[in-house]
């Protein structure tokens, strides 16, 4: 759950920053919001795949999981 709360909190912080300070930090806040929303979206896709199949007899293939894992941690080496 913490993995999802962190980017969502950063999105909220970016919005608050824009509201509080305005003009001079808009670019920085928009980057924070965009990066955090992207990360939250990637994590949600992985959670949907993992938990959406809970109790299912169907096995997940590597081709289903690898792209999502790479999206969440592009710098990590997957084997």
C-alpha atoms as a PDB file:
ATOM      1  CA  UNK A   1       0.000   0.000   0.000  1.00  0.00           C
ATOM      2  CA  UNK A   2       2.864   2.371   0.791  1.00  0.00           C
ATOM      3  CA  UNK A   3       4.129   1.977  -2.783  1.00  0.00           C
ATOM      4  CA  UNK A   4       0.903   3.518  -4.025  1.00  0.00           C
ATOM      5  CA  UNK A   5       0.440   6.137  -1.311  1.00  0.00           C
ATOM      6  CA  UNK A   6       3.833   7.737  -1.918  1.00  0.00           C
ATOM      7  CA  UNK A   7       3.258   8.869  -5.535  1.00  0.00           C
ATOM      8  CA  UNK A   8      -0.321   9.893  -4.814  1.00  0.00           C
ATOM      9  CA  UNK A   9       0.899  12.042  -1.906  1.00  0.00           C
ATOM     10  CA  UNK A  10       3.492  13.628  -4.185  1.00  0.00           C
ATOM     11  CA  UNK A  11       0.741  14.505  -6.671  1.00  0.00           C
ATOM     12  CA  UNK A  12      -1.199  16.180  -3.880  1.00  0.00           C
ATOM     13  CA  UNK A  13       1.916  18.054  -2.722  1.00  0.00           C
ATOM     14  CA  UNK A  14       2.519  19.337  -6.251  1.00  0.00           C
ATOM     15  CA  UNK A  15      -1.029  20.653  -6.508  1.00  0.00           C
ATOM     16  CA  UNK A  16      -0.723  22.349  -3.115  1.00  0.00           C
ATOM     17  CA  UNK A  17       2.585  23.906  -4.159  1.00  0.00           C
ATOM     18  CA  UNK A  18       0.975  25.432  -7.229  1.00  0.00           C
ATOM     19  CA  UNK A  19      -1.959  26.720  -5.165  1.00  0.00           C
ATOM     20  CA  UNK A  20       0.234  28.196  -2.423  1.00  0.00           C
ATOM     21  CA  UNK A  21       3.113  29.734  -4.348  1.00  0.00           C
ATOM     22  CA  UNK A  22       1.882  30.007  -7.907  1.00  0.00           C
ATOM     23  CA  UNK A  23       3.856  31.172 -10.914  1.00  0.00           C
ATOM     24  CA  UNK A  24       7.512  30.669 -10.033  1.00  0.00           C
ATOM     25  CA  UNK A  25       7.227  26.963  -9.191  1.00  0.00           C
ATOM     26  CA  UNK A  26       4.633  25.826 -11.709  1.00  0.00           C
ATOM     27  CA  UNK A  27       7.147  23.982 -13.919  1.00  0.00           C
ATOM     28  CA  UNK A  28       8.720  22.163 -10.984  1.00  0.00           C
ATOM     29  CA  UNK A  29       5.334  21.280  -9.497  1.00  0.00           C
ATOM     30  CA  UNK A  30       3.997  20.047 -12.853  1.00  0.00           C
ATOM     31  CA  UNK A  31       7.037  17.771 -13.243  1.00  0.00           C
ATOM     32  CA  UNK A  32       6.465  16.397  -9.739  1.00  0.00           C
ATOM     33  CA  UNK A  33       2.790  15.811 -10.499  1.00  0.00           C
ATOM     34  CA  UNK A  34       3.487  14.202 -13.881  1.00  0.00           C
ATOM     35  CA  UNK A  35       6.246  11.896 -12.638  1.00  0.00           C
ATOM     36  CA  UNK A  36       4.221  10.835  -9.609  1.00  0.00           C
ATOM     37  CA  UNK A  37       1.040  10.212 -11.593  1.00  0.00           C
ATOM     38  CA  UNK A  38       3.013   8.110 -14.057  1.00  0.00           C
ATOM     39  CA  UNK A  39       4.554   6.034 -11.258  1.00  0.00           C
ATOM     40  CA  UNK A  40       1.194   5.535  -9.545  1.00  0.00           C
ATOM     41  CA  UNK A  41      -0.344   4.416 -12.840  1.00  0.00           C
ATOM     42  CA  UNK A  42       2.432   1.884 -13.490  1.00  0.00           C
ATOM     43  CA  UNK A  43       2.112   0.462  -9.981  1.00  0.00           C
ATOM     44  CA  UNK A  44      -1.660   0.190 -10.301  1.00  0.00           C
ATOM     45  CA  UNK A  45      -1.266  -1.825 -13.522  1.00  0.00           C
ATOM     46  CA  UNK A  46       1.017  -4.272 -11.721  1.00  0.00           C
ATOM     47  CA  UNK A  47      -1.354  -4.528  -8.739  1.00  0.00           C
ATOM     48  CA  UNK A  48      -4.296  -5.169 -11.069  1.00  0.00           C
ATOM     49  CA  UNK A  49      -2.396  -7.951 -12.762  1.00  0.00           C
ATOM     50  CA  UNK A  50      -1.198  -9.498  -9.511  1.00  0.00           C
ATOM     51  CA  UNK A  51      -4.337  -9.196  -7.423  1.00  0.00           C
ATOM     52  CA  UNK A  52      -6.823  -9.477 -10.243  1.00  0.00           C
ATOM     53  CA  UNK A  53      -5.686 -13.030 -10.772  1.00  0.00           C
ATOM     54  CA  UNK A  54      -5.833 -14.013  -7.099  1.00  0.00           C
ATOM     55  CA  UNK A  55      -7.530 -17.365  -6.746  1.00  0.00           C
ATOM     56  CA  UNK A  56      -7.348 -17.986 -10.469  1.00  0.00           C
ATOM     57  CA  UNK A  57      -6.039 -21.286 -11.768  1.00  0.00           C
ATOM     58  CA  UNK A  58      -4.543 -19.474 -14.755  1.00  0.00           C
ATOM     59  CA  UNK A  59      -0.791 -18.983 -14.599  1.00  0.00           C
ATOM     60  CA  UNK A  60       0.811 -15.706 -15.611  1.00  0.00           C
ATOM     61  CA  UNK A  61       3.505 -15.861 -18.219  1.00  0.00           C
ATOM     62  CA  UNK A  62       6.767 -13.996 -18.100  1.00  0.00           C
ATOM     63  CA  UNK A  63       5.630 -12.008 -21.135  1.00  0.00           C
ATOM     64  CA  UNK A  64       2.737 -10.654 -19.016  1.00  0.00           C
ATOM     65  CA  UNK A  65       4.791  -9.615 -16.013  1.00  0.00           C
ATOM     66  CA  UNK A  66       8.166  -8.485 -17.376  1.00  0.00           C
ATOM     67  CA  UNK A  67       6.949  -5.241 -19.080  1.00  0.00           C
ATOM     68  CA  UNK A  68       5.181  -4.124 -15.906  1.00  0.00           C
ATOM     69  CA  UNK A  69       8.184  -4.829 -13.713  1.00  0.00           C
ATOM     70  CA  UNK A  70      10.477  -2.963 -16.108  1.00  0.00           C
ATOM     71  CA  UNK A  71       8.084   0.007 -16.096  1.00  0.00           C
ATOM     72  CA  UNK A  72       8.118   0.197 -12.308  1.00  0.00           C
ATOM     73  CA  UNK A  73      11.864  -0.186 -11.949  1.00  0.00           C
ATOM     74  CA  UNK A  74      13.513   0.621 -15.278  1.00  0.00           C
ATOM     75  CA  UNK A  75      17.011   0.759 -13.773  1.00  0.00           C
ATOM     76  CA  UNK A  76      16.759  -2.671 -12.140  1.00  0.00           C
ATOM     77  CA  UNK A  77      18.112  -5.738 -13.855  1.00  0.00           C
ATOM     78  CA  UNK A  78      15.545  -8.451 -14.354  1.00  0.00           C
ATOM     79  CA  UNK A  79      16.543 -12.072 -14.717  1.00  0.00           C
END
